[in-house]
Protein backbone atom coordinates (compact mmCIF):
# COMPACT_ATOMS: atom_id res chain seq x y z
CA GLN A 1 0.00 0.00 0.00
CA VAL A 2 1.13 3.53 -0.74
CA GLN A 3 0.48 6.40 1.66
CA VAL A 4 0.17 9.89 0.24
CA VAL A 5 0.30 12.99 2.43
CA GLU A 6 -0.19 16.57 1.25
CA SER A 7 0.71 19.73 3.11
CA GLY A 8 1.02 23.46 2.57
CA GLY A 9 -2.56 24.56 2.12
CA ALA A 10 -3.46 27.92 3.63
CA LEU A 11 -5.44 31.14 3.32
CA VAL A 12 -3.72 33.54 0.93
CA GLN A 13 -4.66 36.86 -0.63
CA PRO A 14 -5.34 37.22 -4.35
CA GLY A 15 -2.08 37.64 -6.23
CA GLY A 16 -0.17 35.75 -3.58
CA SER A 17 1.84 32.56 -3.75
CA LEU A 18 1.72 29.19 -2.06
CA ARG A 19 3.71 25.97 -2.29
CA LEU A 20 2.08 22.60 -1.77
CA SER A 21 4.04 19.45 -0.96
CA CYS A 22 3.14 15.79 -1.34
CA ALA A 23 5.12 12.87 0.01
CA ALA A 24 4.56 9.24 -0.95
CA SER A 25 5.67 6.38 1.30
CA GLY A 26 5.01 2.71 1.99
CA SER A 27 5.18 -0.15 -0.48
CA ILE A 28 6.29 1.99 -3.37
CA LEU A 29 7.22 0.19 -6.55
CA SER A 30 7.76 2.11 -9.72
CA ILE A 31 6.16 5.53 -9.62
CA TYR A 32 5.02 6.46 -13.09
CA ARG A 33 3.42 9.76 -12.44
CA MET A 34 2.72 12.21 -9.61
CA GLY A 35 0.28 15.03 -9.89
CA TRP A 36 -2.25 17.40 -8.43
CA TYR A 37 -6.02 17.67 -8.71
CA ARG A 38 -8.45 20.02 -7.02
CA GLN A 39 -12.08 19.94 -6.03
CA VAL A 40 -14.67 22.53 -5.04
CA PRO A 41 -17.68 21.33 -3.01
CA GLY A 42 -20.45 20.25 -5.34
CA GLN A 43 -18.15 19.99 -8.34
CA GLN A 44 -16.09 17.21 -9.91
CA ARG A 45 -12.45 16.82 -9.09
CA GLU A 46 -10.38 18.45 -11.82
CA PHE A 47 -6.86 17.95 -13.07
CA VAL A 48 -4.29 20.64 -12.23
CA ALA A 49 -0.81 19.39 -13.13
CA SER A 50 1.29 16.24 -13.36
CA MET A 51 4.86 15.12 -13.91
CA SER A 52 5.93 11.78 -15.33
CA ASN A 53 9.01 9.77 -14.48
CA SER A 54 10.73 11.19 -17.53
CA GLY A 55 10.14 14.70 -16.23
CA SER A 56 7.53 15.71 -18.75
CA THR A 57 4.86 18.00 -17.32
CA THR A 58 1.23 18.66 -18.13
CA TYR A 59 -0.89 21.55 -16.89
CA ALA A 60 -4.53 22.50 -17.00
CA ASP A 61 -5.08 25.55 -19.19
CA SER A 62 -6.43 27.47 -16.21
CA VAL A 63 -3.09 27.29 -14.35
CA LYS A 64 -0.54 27.47 -17.18
CA GLY A 65 2.01 30.18 -16.58
CA ARG A 66 1.04 30.50 -12.92
CA PHE A 67 1.61 27.05 -11.39
CA THR A 68 4.78 24.96 -11.59
CA ILE A 69 5.06 21.30 -10.67
CA SER A 70 8.37 19.80 -9.59
CA ARG A 71 9.46 16.49 -8.21
CA ASN A 72 12.19 14.98 -6.04
CA ASN A 73 12.50 11.36 -7.10
CA ALA A 74 14.97 10.59 -4.33
CA ASN A 75 12.32 10.98 -1.65
CA ASN A 76 9.16 10.48 -3.71
CA THR A 77 7.96 14.02 -3.20
CA VAL A 78 6.13 16.33 -5.58
CA TYR A 79 5.58 20.06 -5.20
CA LEU A 80 3.16 22.57 -6.66
CA GLN A 81 4.33 26.17 -6.70
CA MET A 82 1.30 28.40 -7.15
CA ASN A 83 1.80 32.05 -8.08
CA SER A 84 -0.61 34.85 -8.97
CA LEU A 85 -3.37 33.06 -7.12
CA LYS A 86 -6.98 33.91 -7.92
CA ALA A 87 -10.19 33.43 -6.00
CA GLU A 88 -11.17 30.69 -8.45
CA ASP A 89 -8.14 28.67 -7.35
CA THR A 90 -9.87 28.10 -4.02
CA ALA A 91 -10.36 24.35 -3.58
CA VAL A 92 -9.18 21.26 -1.78
CA TYR A 93 -6.00 20.13 -3.53
CA TYR A 94 -5.34 16.41 -3.80
CA CYS A 95 -2.11 14.65 -4.68
CA GLN A 96 -2.22 11.58 -6.93
CA VAL A 97 0.53 8.99 -7.17
CA VAL A 98 0.40 6.39 -9.95
CA SER A 99 2.51 3.40 -9.02
CA GLY A 100 3.08 -0.30 -9.49
CA ALA A 101 2.81 -2.84 -12.27
CA PHE A 102 -0.84 -2.04 -12.82
CA GLN A 103 -0.34 1.73 -12.53
CA ARG A 104 -2.75 2.06 -9.67
CA ALA A 105 -3.66 5.54 -8.47
CA PHE A 106 -3.27 6.48 -4.82
CA TRP A 107 -4.69 9.65 -3.31
CA GLY A 108 -3.92 11.83 -0.32
CA GLN A 109 -6.49 13.29 2.05
CA GLY A 110 -6.31 16.76 0.49
CA THR A 111 -5.17 20.18 1.66
CA GLN A 112 -7.36 23.30 1.63
CA VAL A 113 -6.28 26.33 -0.38
CA THR A 114 -8.37 29.47 0.09
CA VAL A 115 -7.69 32.61 -1.92
CA SER A 116 -9.51 35.55 -0.40
CA ALA A 117 -8.95 39.14 0.60
């Protein structure tokens, strides 16, 4: 089993910055991809950003140019640097780790990001 723990969520003013962290531990085999999703109450969880083992990154259009994903393969940690935050970025942010022979997805418990004046 893989445990996934996010941290770094907070209340921040519009235009501010925040850095989220996600650490994976446990019975980790090959990690294929680590990424971030977010969810607003009453809405579906949406993709934010991901990074593959090769280092290739993918971003949602809504965060391109503002968010940057990075990864430390040595300690199975992924980060999300969020700049120029907007009110519409307010959500619970979840980390996803895709691992193992069957590329199973594991999720963290989420961390709240609130952008408000």
